[in-house]
Each structure stands twice: as structure tokens, then as C-alpha cells.
Amino acid sequence: MTMKEYLRNLLTAIAFIGMTPSAMSTNINDNYDKWFCDSTLRVDYIFTGNAKNQRISLDELRSASGWYGRRVNLNKPALRGNGTIKMTDESTGEVIYCTSFSTLFQEWQTTEEAVSNWKSFENIFQLPMPRKNAWVEVILFDTHNNVSSSYKHLVKPNDILIRPIPSTHPAANRILHQGGDSKKCIDIAIVAEGYTAEEQAVFYEDAEKACREILKYAPFSAHKNDFNFTAVALESRESGVSIPHDNLWKETALAASFDTFYSQRYLTTLRLKTLHDALAGIPYEHIIILANTDNYGGGGIYNSYTLSAAHHPLCLPVTVHEFGHSFGGLADEYYYDDQYEQFYFPGIEPWEQNITTLTAFEDKWQDMLPEGTPVPTSADGLDANDMEHIGVYEGGGYQSKGVFRAFMNCRMKTNDTESFCSVCERAIERVIEHHLKPLE
């Protein structure tokens, strides 16, 4: 694909989305009260398909009191993601809200299983409740940045079939960190998975450790007053989580399991409706799930959830790493010598801000490079843990060739470093600012 073809496809697919925060500086809608009530519209979808086909179906509309998402930069997502959902006012045609996401469904479509099988996945999105009728459109992108599927439907806020989510009896919970008013902060729920009623105290200790660990890392450490953390002690009938490769199956609150897509350390849950139902009555925008297991693993899906093994010795760095995915939209920077999988392609610039194929490197960390830095940059003579010499080093996004990262090491590459690299820090900072600060 030529650069001209790439740009044409990209502009057609995401005309309403800027690729970087600096590009998203016009037509900003920050008048929340004009368009929305102080309540949440939860839209439940079923994504179905195989490697080549996708179908989006509306499952149910739900409503809840209070809105805990962003109230600024309403019609601009922080990142492109692998999909977007936008809300358009019916009478004016103006985009009044837009956010982005990634899904397990889209990951599954890249697997061998998806070549011969069809599967369905739950996907839940929380939107501010519009005051007037509005169109909601979901758009999915494939690995080449092309629109692969979309679905549009009209939401009428006075629809009698929008089912209220009961919030009078929320799950047992405890505030871990209160940075400020939810309307001005980012609310994070840390949720128990695989903890019995008798293990509730253990969960609260684990949640407290996870909260402290995240707030220890820059740039979160500079934004402690911008985050609220609440621990939610869901009860499971059995202790632990399912580990299929050990033929171990547990009956737990969220049915979390290792061996996602047959990868032993990939720990996820498919029960998104159960997860969000369990959080009724609790302020949250982002979710961290702690699994009561010492088996190594975890997972993080952008704007969906983080899941981490709470009792493995590497739990805390893994939790921060996975939160880098789910909150910051960061890519994995590790890779395999045999190019185990190919998720990124020549001529297609990844939307994640910490890797590049050099197709549109000027939108990444080119401005952070010292003058005269070779692109790509040789790693000769540098220690594998070096985090001082910024460059453009080959290897990232699971691929040893064709994908580049900024530093030799980073929290998004290994578990033996205590910080994000400066490129990842800036990327996360931009996401935080997008949540809280109107763009000029």
C-alpha cells in the first residue's frame, strides 16, 4: 500500500477522529449539561463473527443514575483504538460524544480458531444519557485500519424499555483512595474474582496494594488528586480461578479463566454483563480485576478492563503493565524472534502511541529524539535494560521485525523495570489530560 492509499483509507474510515491529542484541537464540545443528563446509558452489544466476518447486534439498553465518565472533550476520543462508538444528536446531526475501545472479539478474529469457527462476545459500553433522541453508532476496524463492521441505532431517552439498573444494594465495597469529586476525577473500580466471602479481607489487602502500586508510577504519581479507587468485593462460590491447562475449573463470580485463545498465561473474563451488573451503584469508569490465584498471567483490553493474578510474585508489575493497556492504550513492546504473530503491517501505522512501523512516525515520538538520532536506531553497545537513550529500536508488538519501540526497556516490555519509559509516560499523560482538561 502506498502512503497516498494509506492516508485515503484512514481519512475515509475515521474522518471524525484525530490520530493524536495535538491533532484533536478543533470543534471541541465541552458543554456537558446542554446535551446530557447526570445519568448513564449502558449499551450492551453482541459481536459475532469469524476471521473474515463481523456482525454487531444490540442486546439491551440499560440506565443508571450518575455519570462517571469524562465531561470534557466529549466528541473526541483520546486514541483511535480498534473501534469507536459515537453519539450524534438526531435533530442537529452534531457528534456529541465519542469514545474508543478494543475488544477480545477482535483479538480472537486474528487466531487460528477464528478461521473455521464463529463465536459471539459480549461488549458493554457506558455513555452519558442524552437529553434528546440521539443516534449511536459502533464502528470496528480491522488490522489494516479499514472499517470492518458498523451498526447504527436510534436511542430515545424516554423509551420505556430502557431497563434501569438497580443500585440500592451495591456489592460490598471500600474506598481505597479518594482524590476528589467524581465529576472531576477518574473513577477506577478494583474488583474481586475468585475470592470467597471468607477471603474478603484478603481481597481488600490485595486491592490496596494494587492501588498503591499504580499511584507509585509516573505519571499517575503526579495525578493522585485526579483518581478515585474503590475496591469491590464480589463473592465467589469457590476460591481461585479456572486454569484449563491444569484441568482446574472453578465456579467464580466472573468465570475468569487462563488459556484465553489457548495462551496459558492469558487471563480474561468473557462475562462483561455480569461484571458491569455487579458494579451497579458504584462510581467507576475503568476496571481492574484481581484474580485470587498464584498462577502467572493477566490481560488488559483498552477501555474494557485489566485482569491480574493477585498472588503471583509479579502481580504488582503485571497489574501496572496491563493497566497500561486498558487505561493508556499502550502496546506490548516485547517480541518473539520467530515473529510468533503478525498484528502490525508495513504501511499501516499502529494507533498505539509507543510503537511505530515508521509509516507515520512524525505522529509518535519523533519530536522527542535528540537531533541527529538515526531512524531506525542501532542497539549495539546498549544494555538490554537501558532506559536513558531514546531512539527507534526494532522489535515490539510481538514482532522482531518491522515494528519499533523507543527504549531498550520499559514497563510495557519487561517486569524487571520500575517505570514506564518517557514515551509511555507522555502517552498516559495525554490520556489523563483528555479525561480532565479541555483541549485548547
Protein backbone atom coordinates (compact mmCIF):
# COMPACT_ATOMS: atom_id res chain seq x y z
CA MET A 1 0.00 0.00 0.00
CA THR A 2 1.36 3.41 -0.92
CA MET A 3 1.36 6.34 1.52
CA LYS A 4 -1.35 8.01 -0.58
CA GLU A 5 -3.59 4.93 -0.39
CA TYR A 6 -2.97 4.61 3.34
CA LEU A 7 -3.98 8.20 4.02
CA ARG A 8 -7.07 7.94 1.84
CA ASN A 9 -8.27 4.79 3.64
CA LEU A 10 -7.52 6.27 7.02
CA LEU A 11 -9.36 9.51 6.36
CA THR A 12 -12.37 7.66 4.99
CA ALA A 13 -12.54 5.32 7.96
CA ILE A 14 -12.08 7.81 10.76
CA ALA A 15 -12.84 11.23 9.40
CA PHE A 16 -14.16 12.34 12.73
CA ILE A 17 -11.17 11.17 14.77
CA GLY A 18 -7.76 12.80 15.23
CA MET A 19 -4.81 10.47 15.48
CA THR A 20 -3.02 12.33 18.29
CA PRO A 21 -4.02 14.78 21.01
CA SER A 22 -2.33 17.60 19.11
CA ALA A 23 -4.48 16.85 16.08
CA MET A 24 -7.69 16.99 18.11
CA SER A 25 -7.86 20.72 18.73
CA THR A 26 -10.96 21.91 16.89
CA ASN A 27 -14.72 21.53 17.21
CA ILE A 28 -14.45 20.57 20.87
CA ASN A 29 -17.76 20.11 22.67
CA ASP A 30 -17.42 20.65 26.41
CA ASN A 31 -21.00 21.73 27.22
CA TYR A 32 -21.99 18.54 29.03
CA ASP A 33 -25.19 19.87 30.61
CA LYS A 34 -26.51 21.09 27.27
CA TRP A 35 -26.58 17.62 25.78
CA PHE A 36 -26.68 15.14 28.66
CA CYS A 37 -28.36 14.26 31.94
CA ASP A 38 -26.37 13.28 35.02
CA SER A 39 -27.00 9.61 34.32
CA THR A 40 -25.55 6.73 32.35
CA LEU A 41 -26.79 4.94 29.25
CA ARG A 42 -25.35 1.42 29.16
CA VAL A 43 -25.42 -0.16 25.72
CA ASP A 44 -25.00 -3.94 25.60
CA TYR A 45 -23.94 -5.48 22.29
CA ILE A 46 -23.14 -8.93 20.96
CA PHE A 47 -20.25 -9.05 18.50
CA THR A 48 -20.37 -12.21 16.38
CA GLY A 49 -18.22 -13.49 13.56
CA ASN A 50 -15.14 -15.32 12.39
CA ALA A 51 -11.80 -14.31 10.89
CA LYS A 52 -13.42 -12.58 7.92
CA ASN A 53 -16.91 -11.61 9.05
CA GLN A 54 -18.38 -9.49 11.84
CA ARG A 55 -21.92 -8.85 12.96
CA ILE A 56 -22.96 -6.34 15.62
CA SER A 57 -26.27 -6.85 17.42
CA LEU A 58 -27.91 -4.67 20.04
CA ASP A 59 -28.64 -6.79 23.10
CA GLU A 60 -30.14 -4.32 25.56
CA LEU A 61 -30.24 -0.70 26.72
CA ARG A 62 -29.82 -0.02 30.44
CA SER A 63 -29.83 3.17 32.52
CA ALA A 64 -28.20 4.12 35.81
CA SER A 65 -28.08 7.24 37.95
CA GLY A 66 -24.90 9.29 37.82
CA TRP A 67 -22.32 9.73 35.07
CA TYR A 68 -18.72 8.90 35.93
CA GLY A 69 -17.06 9.34 32.56
CA ARG A 70 -15.39 12.40 31.15
CA ARG A 71 -17.25 15.71 30.90
CA VAL A 72 -14.78 17.46 28.58
CA ASN A 73 -13.57 16.73 25.05
CA LEU A 74 -16.88 14.96 24.63
CA ASN A 75 -16.77 14.37 20.90
CA LYS A 76 -13.08 13.46 20.63
CA PRO A 77 -11.61 10.10 21.70
CA ALA A 78 -8.16 10.14 23.26
CA LEU A 79 -6.96 7.43 20.84
CA ARG A 80 -8.34 5.69 17.78
CA GLY A 81 -8.43 2.20 19.29
CA ASN A 82 -9.65 -0.84 17.39
CA GLY A 83 -13.17 0.52 17.44
CA THR A 84 -15.17 3.64 18.22
CA ILE A 85 -18.66 4.39 19.45
CA LYS A 86 -20.13 7.80 18.76
CA MET A 87 -23.39 9.53 19.63
CA THR A 88 -24.96 12.02 17.23
CA ASP A 89 -27.80 14.38 18.10
CA GLU A 90 -30.78 13.42 15.91
CA SER A 91 -32.01 16.95 15.25
CA THR A 92 -28.70 18.71 14.55
CA GLY A 93 -26.50 15.87 13.30
CA GLU A 94 -23.74 17.02 15.65
CA VAL A 95 -21.45 14.41 17.20
CA ILE A 96 -21.98 14.99 20.92
CA TYR A 97 -19.95 12.11 22.36
CA CYS A 98 -17.31 9.72 21.08
CA THR A 99 -15.03 7.18 22.70
CA SER A 100 -12.76 4.38 21.51
CA PHE A 101 -12.02 0.82 22.61
CA SER A 102 -10.56 -2.57 21.81
CA THR A 103 -12.24 -5.94 22.28
CA LEU A 104 -11.40 -9.57 22.89
CA PHE A 105 -13.61 -10.36 19.91
CA GLN A 106 -11.27 -8.51 17.58
CA GLU A 107 -8.25 -10.25 19.11
CA TRP A 108 -9.96 -13.60 18.66
CA GLN A 109 -10.52 -12.85 14.97
CA THR A 110 -6.73 -12.99 14.46
CA THR A 111 -6.48 -16.52 15.90
CA GLU A 112 -6.40 -19.83 14.07
CA GLU A 113 -9.67 -20.86 15.72
CA ALA A 114 -11.46 -17.96 14.04
CA VAL A 115 -10.60 -19.31 10.58
CA SER A 116 -13.05 -22.19 10.93
CA ASN A 117 -15.41 -21.17 13.76
CA TRP A 118 -17.93 -18.46 14.57
CA LYS A 119 -18.17 -17.06 18.10
CA SER A 120 -20.10 -14.40 19.98
CA PHE A 121 -18.71 -11.98 22.58
CA GLU A 122 -20.45 -9.63 24.99
CA ASN A 123 -19.38 -5.99 24.79
CA ILE A 124 -20.59 -3.26 27.12
CA PHE A 125 -20.25 0.48 26.65
CA GLN A 126 -21.19 3.26 29.05
CA LEU A 127 -22.32 6.54 27.50
CA PRO A 128 -23.78 9.70 29.01
CA MET A 129 -27.58 9.72 28.80
CA PRO A 130 -28.68 12.20 26.09
CA ARG A 131 -31.41 14.70 26.84
CA LYS A 132 -32.88 14.23 23.36
CA ASN A 133 -33.02 11.48 20.76
CA ALA A 134 -29.58 10.52 19.51
CA TRP A 135 -28.04 8.09 17.05
CA VAL A 136 -25.45 5.69 18.45
CA GLU A 137 -23.00 4.10 16.00
CA VAL A 138 -20.41 1.40 16.68
CA ILE A 139 -17.52 1.10 14.22
CA LEU A 140 -14.94 -1.71 14.20
CA PHE A 141 -11.57 -1.53 12.42
CA ASP A 142 -9.53 -4.44 11.11
CA THR A 143 -5.77 -4.88 11.45
CA HIS A 144 -5.26 -2.73 8.34
CA ASN A 145 -7.18 0.24 9.82
CA ASN A 146 -10.14 -0.31 7.50
CA VAL A 147 -13.72 -0.27 8.73
CA SER A 148 -14.70 -3.93 9.09
CA SER A 149 -18.19 -3.50 10.50
CA SER A 150 -20.57 -0.86 11.81
CA TYR A 151 -24.03 -0.65 13.34
CA LYS A 152 -26.21 2.40 13.96
CA HIS A 153 -29.38 2.69 16.03
CA LEU A 154 -31.55 5.43 17.48
CA VAL A 155 -31.73 5.91 21.24
CA LYS A 156 -34.77 7.65 22.70
CA PRO A 157 -34.11 8.63 26.33
CA ASN A 158 -37.83 8.35 27.16
CA ASP A 159 -38.02 4.78 25.78
CA ILE A 160 -39.98 2.78 28.37
CA LEU A 161 -37.95 -0.36 27.54
CA ILE A 162 -34.63 1.08 28.72
CA ARG A 163 -34.25 -1.06 31.81
CA PRO A 164 -32.99 0.71 34.96
CA ILE A 165 -30.01 -0.87 36.69
CA PRO A 166 -30.88 -1.30 40.38
CA SER A 167 -28.33 0.41 42.59
CA THR A 168 -29.96 0.28 46.02
CA HIS A 169 -27.90 -2.72 47.15
CA PRO A 170 -24.41 -2.37 45.71
CA ALA A 171 -21.79 -5.05 46.23
CA ALA A 172 -19.62 -4.76 49.35
CA ASN A 173 -17.06 -2.07 48.66
CA ARG A 174 -14.46 0.13 50.27
CA ILE A 175 -12.88 3.39 49.13
CA LEU A 176 -9.13 2.92 48.76
CA HIS A 177 -8.16 6.35 47.51
CA GLN A 178 -10.29 9.49 47.17
CA GLY A 179 -8.65 12.10 45.01
CA GLY A 180 -11.73 14.29 44.75
CA ASP A 181 -15.23 14.69 43.37
CA SER A 182 -16.17 12.01 40.83
CA LYS A 183 -17.27 14.70 38.39
CA LYS A 184 -13.70 15.96 38.28
CA CYS A 185 -11.79 12.69 38.73
CA ILE A 186 -11.22 9.37 37.00
CA ASP A 187 -13.03 6.61 38.89
CA ILE A 188 -11.49 3.13 38.99
CA ALA A 189 -13.10 0.02 40.44
CA ILE A 190 -10.83 -2.79 41.64
CA VAL A 191 -12.96 -5.94 41.55
CA ALA A 192 -12.54 -9.28 43.31
CA GLU A 193 -12.59 -12.51 41.28
CA GLY A 194 -12.26 -15.93 42.88
CA TYR A 195 -12.42 -14.68 46.46
CA THR A 196 -14.97 -16.36 48.74
CA ALA A 197 -16.87 -14.47 51.44
CA GLU A 198 -14.31 -15.68 53.98
CA GLU A 199 -11.49 -14.19 51.85
CA GLN A 200 -12.93 -10.67 51.66
CA ALA A 201 -10.28 -9.23 53.98
CA VAL A 202 -7.55 -10.78 51.81
CA PHE A 203 -9.03 -9.11 48.76
CA TYR A 204 -9.11 -5.69 50.38
CA GLU A 205 -5.41 -6.06 51.22
CA ASP A 206 -4.65 -7.09 47.64
CA ALA A 207 -6.67 -4.19 46.24
CA GLU A 208 -4.89 -1.71 48.49
CA LYS A 209 -1.51 -2.97 47.23
CA ALA A 210 -2.61 -2.65 43.59
CA CYS A 211 -3.90 0.88 44.15
CA ARG A 212 -0.68 1.99 45.83
CA GLU A 213 1.43 0.39 43.09
CA ILE A 214 -0.33 2.19 40.25
CA LEU A 215 -0.13 5.55 42.01
CA LYS A 216 3.60 4.97 42.54
CA TYR A 217 4.32 5.11 38.79
CA ALA A 218 4.71 8.32 36.82
CA PRO A 219 2.61 9.94 35.50
CA PHE A 220 -0.07 8.56 37.88
CA SER A 221 2.03 9.66 40.86
CA ALA A 222 1.61 13.29 39.83
CA HIS A 223 -2.16 12.88 39.47
CA LYS A 224 -3.16 11.33 42.78
CA ASN A 225 -5.80 14.01 43.24
CA ASP A 226 -7.29 13.13 39.85
CA PHE A 227 -8.08 9.48 40.63
CA ASN A 228 -10.53 7.66 42.87
CA PHE A 229 -10.12 3.93 43.59
CA THR A 230 -12.87 1.73 45.06
CA ALA A 231 -12.42 -1.94 45.97
CA VAL A 232 -15.48 -4.08 45.13
CA ALA A 233 -15.55 -7.42 46.99
CA LEU A 234 -17.56 -9.70 44.72
CA GLU A 235 -18.11 -13.09 46.33
CA SER A 236 -17.31 -16.34 44.54
CA ARG A 237 -18.59 -19.77 45.48
CA GLU A 238 -15.10 -21.24 45.10
CA SER A 239 -11.65 -19.89 45.80
CA GLY A 240 -9.30 -19.39 42.85
CA VAL A 241 -9.93 -19.19 39.11
CA SER A 242 -10.11 -21.69 36.26
CA ILE A 243 -6.83 -23.00 34.79
CA PRO A 244 -7.83 -25.23 31.85
CA HIS A 245 -4.30 -26.44 31.08
CA ASP A 246 -4.29 -27.98 34.59
CA ASN A 247 -7.87 -29.25 34.14
CA LEU A 248 -8.84 -26.96 37.02
CA TRP A 249 -12.27 -25.35 36.80
CA LYS A 250 -13.75 -23.03 39.42
CA GLU A 251 -17.19 -21.55 39.97
CA THR A 252 -16.43 -17.86 40.42
CA ALA A 253 -18.23 -14.53 40.19
CA LEU A 254 -16.89 -13.62 36.73
CA ALA A 255 -15.88 -17.05 35.37
CA ALA A 256 -12.37 -15.76 34.67
CA SER A 257 -10.02 -18.26 33.07
CA PHE A 258 -6.44 -18.68 31.95
CA ASP A 259 -5.67 -20.15 28.49
CA THR A 260 -7.57 -17.46 26.59
CA PHE A 261 -7.10 -18.25 22.90
CA TYR A 262 -5.02 -21.25 24.11
CA SER A 263 -2.33 -18.96 25.54
CA GLN A 264 -1.59 -20.33 29.02
CA ARG A 265 -0.83 -17.02 30.72
CA TYR A 266 -3.65 -15.01 29.10
CA LEU A 267 -6.21 -14.45 31.88
CA THR A 268 -9.57 -12.92 30.90
CA THR A 269 -13.29 -12.98 31.52
CA LEU A 270 -16.00 -13.09 28.87
CA ARG A 271 -18.80 -12.23 31.32
CA LEU A 272 -18.92 -8.50 30.75
CA LYS A 273 -22.63 -8.16 31.50
CA THR A 274 -22.13 -9.90 34.83
CA LEU A 275 -19.16 -7.65 35.57
CA HIS A 276 -20.99 -4.40 34.89
CA ASP A 277 -24.17 -5.58 36.63
CA ALA A 278 -22.10 -6.27 39.74
CA LEU A 279 -20.80 -2.69 39.76
CA ALA A 280 -24.26 -1.12 39.91
CA GLY A 281 -24.38 1.78 42.35
CA ILE A 282 -20.58 2.19 42.48
CA PRO A 283 -18.79 5.06 40.69
CA TYR A 284 -16.49 3.67 38.01
CA GLU A 285 -15.19 4.33 34.54
CA HIS A 286 -12.24 1.92 34.40
CA ILE A 287 -11.99 -1.58 35.85
CA ILE A 288 -9.17 -3.63 37.37
CA ILE A 289 -9.97 -7.25 38.27
CA LEU A 290 -7.78 -9.09 40.75
CA ALA A 291 -7.89 -12.88 40.46
CA ASN A 292 -7.28 -14.95 43.59
CA THR A 293 -4.53 -17.15 42.15
CA ASP A 294 -0.76 -17.53 42.24
CA ASN A 295 -0.65 -18.78 38.65
CA TYR A 296 1.23 -16.31 36.44
CA GLY A 297 -0.77 -14.27 33.98
CA GLY A 298 -3.08 -11.41 33.21
CA GLY A 299 -4.69 -9.36 30.47
CA GLY A 300 -5.58 -5.80 29.59
CA ILE A 301 -8.03 -4.60 26.95
CA TYR A 302 -8.19 -0.92 26.07
CA ASN A 303 -11.16 0.79 27.73
CA SER A 304 -12.54 -2.56 28.88
CA TYR A 305 -10.63 -3.99 31.87
CA THR A 306 -7.36 -5.11 33.41
CA LEU A 307 -7.13 -8.60 34.93
CA SER A 308 -4.17 -9.72 37.04
CA ALA A 309 -3.18 -12.73 39.17
CA ALA A 310 -3.19 -11.25 42.67
CA HIS A 311 -0.94 -13.76 44.42
CA HIS A 312 1.82 -14.35 41.91
CA PRO A 313 5.12 -12.70 42.98
CA LEU A 314 4.96 -10.49 39.86
CA CYS A 315 1.38 -9.39 40.45
CA LEU A 316 2.13 -5.72 41.01
CA PRO A 317 4.30 -5.06 37.94
CA VAL A 318 1.92 -7.15 35.82
CA THR A 319 -1.05 -5.14 37.09
CA VAL A 320 0.66 -1.88 36.15
CA HIS A 321 1.63 -3.30 32.75
CA GLU A 322 -1.90 -4.46 32.00
CA PHE A 323 -3.31 -1.15 33.20
CA GLY A 324 -1.01 0.44 30.64
CA HIS A 325 -3.05 -1.45 28.05
CA SER A 326 -6.54 -0.91 29.42
CA PHE A 327 -6.17 2.71 30.51
CA GLY A 328 -3.33 4.11 28.43
CA GLY A 329 -3.93 2.19 25.21
CA LEU A 330 -0.28 1.14 25.14
CA ALA A 331 1.04 -1.76 23.06
CA ASP A 332 3.24 -4.59 24.26
CA GLU A 333 6.87 -3.82 23.48
CA TYR A 334 8.19 -7.35 23.81
CA TYR A 335 8.62 -9.54 20.76
CA TYR A 336 9.49 -13.02 19.57
CA ASP A 337 12.50 -13.88 17.42
CA ASP A 338 10.35 -16.09 15.21
CA GLN A 339 7.66 -13.40 14.77
CA TYR A 340 5.11 -15.59 16.52
CA GLU A 341 2.20 -13.45 15.37
CA GLN A 342 1.82 -10.56 12.97
CA PHE A 343 -0.53 -7.88 14.24
CA TYR A 344 1.14 -4.90 12.56
CA PHE A 345 1.86 -4.46 8.88
CA PRO A 346 4.16 -2.37 6.65
CA GLY A 347 2.42 0.81 5.53
CA ILE A 348 -0.01 0.75 8.46
CA GLU A 349 0.82 2.94 11.44
CA PRO A 350 -0.36 1.46 14.77
CA TRP A 351 -2.76 3.61 16.79
CA GLU A 352 -0.86 2.74 19.99
CA GLN A 353 1.47 5.62 20.81
CA ASN A 354 4.51 3.59 21.99
CA ILE A 355 5.24 1.60 18.84
CA THR A 356 5.65 2.52 15.17
CA THR A 357 6.10 0.93 11.77
CA LEU A 358 7.68 4.24 10.64
CA THR A 359 4.73 4.84 8.32
CA ALA A 360 3.66 7.96 10.25
CA PHE A 361 6.44 8.23 12.80
CA GLU A 362 6.02 12.01 12.94
CA ASP A 363 2.84 11.34 14.95
CA LYS A 364 4.73 9.36 17.57
CA TRP A 365 7.92 10.31 19.47
CA GLN A 366 9.92 11.82 16.62
CA ASP A 367 9.77 15.20 18.40
CA MET A 368 11.46 13.65 21.48
CA LEU A 369 14.55 12.41 19.61
CA PRO A 370 17.85 14.25 20.03
CA GLU A 371 18.97 15.94 16.84
CA GLY A 372 20.83 13.57 14.57
CA THR A 373 19.39 10.35 16.02
CA PRO A 374 19.40 7.68 13.28
CA VAL A 375 15.97 6.27 12.38
CA PRO A 376 15.95 3.30 12.86
CA THR A 377 18.48 3.32 15.71
CA SER A 378 21.10 0.66 16.32
CA ALA A 379 21.02 -1.05 19.71
CA ASP A 380 24.69 -2.01 19.51
CA GLY A 381 26.52 -1.29 22.73
CA LEU A 382 23.38 -0.64 24.77
CA ASP A 383 22.40 -2.69 27.79
CA ALA A 384 19.09 -4.55 27.47
CA ASN A 385 17.74 -2.59 30.45
CA ASP A 386 18.86 0.83 29.23
CA MET A 387 16.13 3.46 29.63
CA GLU A 388 18.19 6.62 29.08
CA HIS A 389 18.93 6.53 25.36
CA ILE A 390 15.79 7.22 23.36
CA GLY A 391 15.76 6.01 19.79
CA VAL A 392 13.84 3.87 17.33
CA TYR A 393 14.79 0.28 18.14
CA GLU A 394 13.47 -2.64 16.13
CA GLY A 395 11.31 -5.17 17.93
CA GLY A 396 7.88 -4.64 19.51
CA GLY A 397 4.24 -5.55 19.20
CA TYR A 398 5.21 -9.28 19.34
CA GLN A 399 7.29 -8.87 16.17
CA SER A 400 11.06 -8.85 15.94
CA LYS A 401 11.00 -7.14 12.55
CA GLY A 402 9.11 -4.16 11.17
CA VAL A 403 7.87 -2.71 14.47
CA PHE A 404 9.91 -0.25 16.55
CA ARG A 405 9.93 0.98 20.15
CA ALA A 406 11.56 3.99 21.82
CA PHE A 407 13.76 2.41 24.51
CA MET A 408 15.60 -0.81 25.19
CA ASN A 409 13.35 -1.47 28.19
CA CYS A 410 10.07 -0.23 29.67
CA ARG A 411 7.24 -1.45 31.90
CA MET A 412 5.47 -2.36 28.65
CA LYS A 413 8.37 -4.66 27.72
CA THR A 414 9.53 -6.48 30.86
CA ASN A 415 8.68 -6.92 34.52
CA ASP A 416 12.15 -6.01 35.77
CA THR A 417 11.86 -2.24 35.46
CA GLU A 418 10.20 0.11 37.92
CA SER A 419 8.93 2.71 35.49
CA PHE A 420 7.34 3.41 32.15
CA CYS A 421 9.66 4.88 29.56
CA SER A 422 9.27 8.59 28.83
CA VAL A 423 7.30 7.89 25.64
CA CYS A 424 4.78 5.76 27.52
CA GLU A 425 4.62 8.31 30.32
CA ARG A 426 3.74 11.02 27.84
CA ALA A 427 1.14 8.83 26.18
CA ILE A 428 -0.55 8.11 29.52
CA GLU A 429 -0.34 11.80 30.49
CA ARG A 430 -2.18 12.70 27.31
CA VAL A 431 -4.96 10.23 28.12
CA ILE A 432 -5.29 11.66 31.64
CA GLU A 433 -5.45 15.20 30.29
CA HIS A 434 -8.04 14.17 27.73
CA HIS A 435 -10.24 12.91 30.58
CA LEU A 436 -9.88 16.05 32.66
CA LYS A 437 -8.65 19.07 30.73
CA PRO A 438 -10.47 20.75 27.80
CA LEU A 439 -8.21 20.85 24.78
CA GLU A 440 -7.38 24.35 23.60
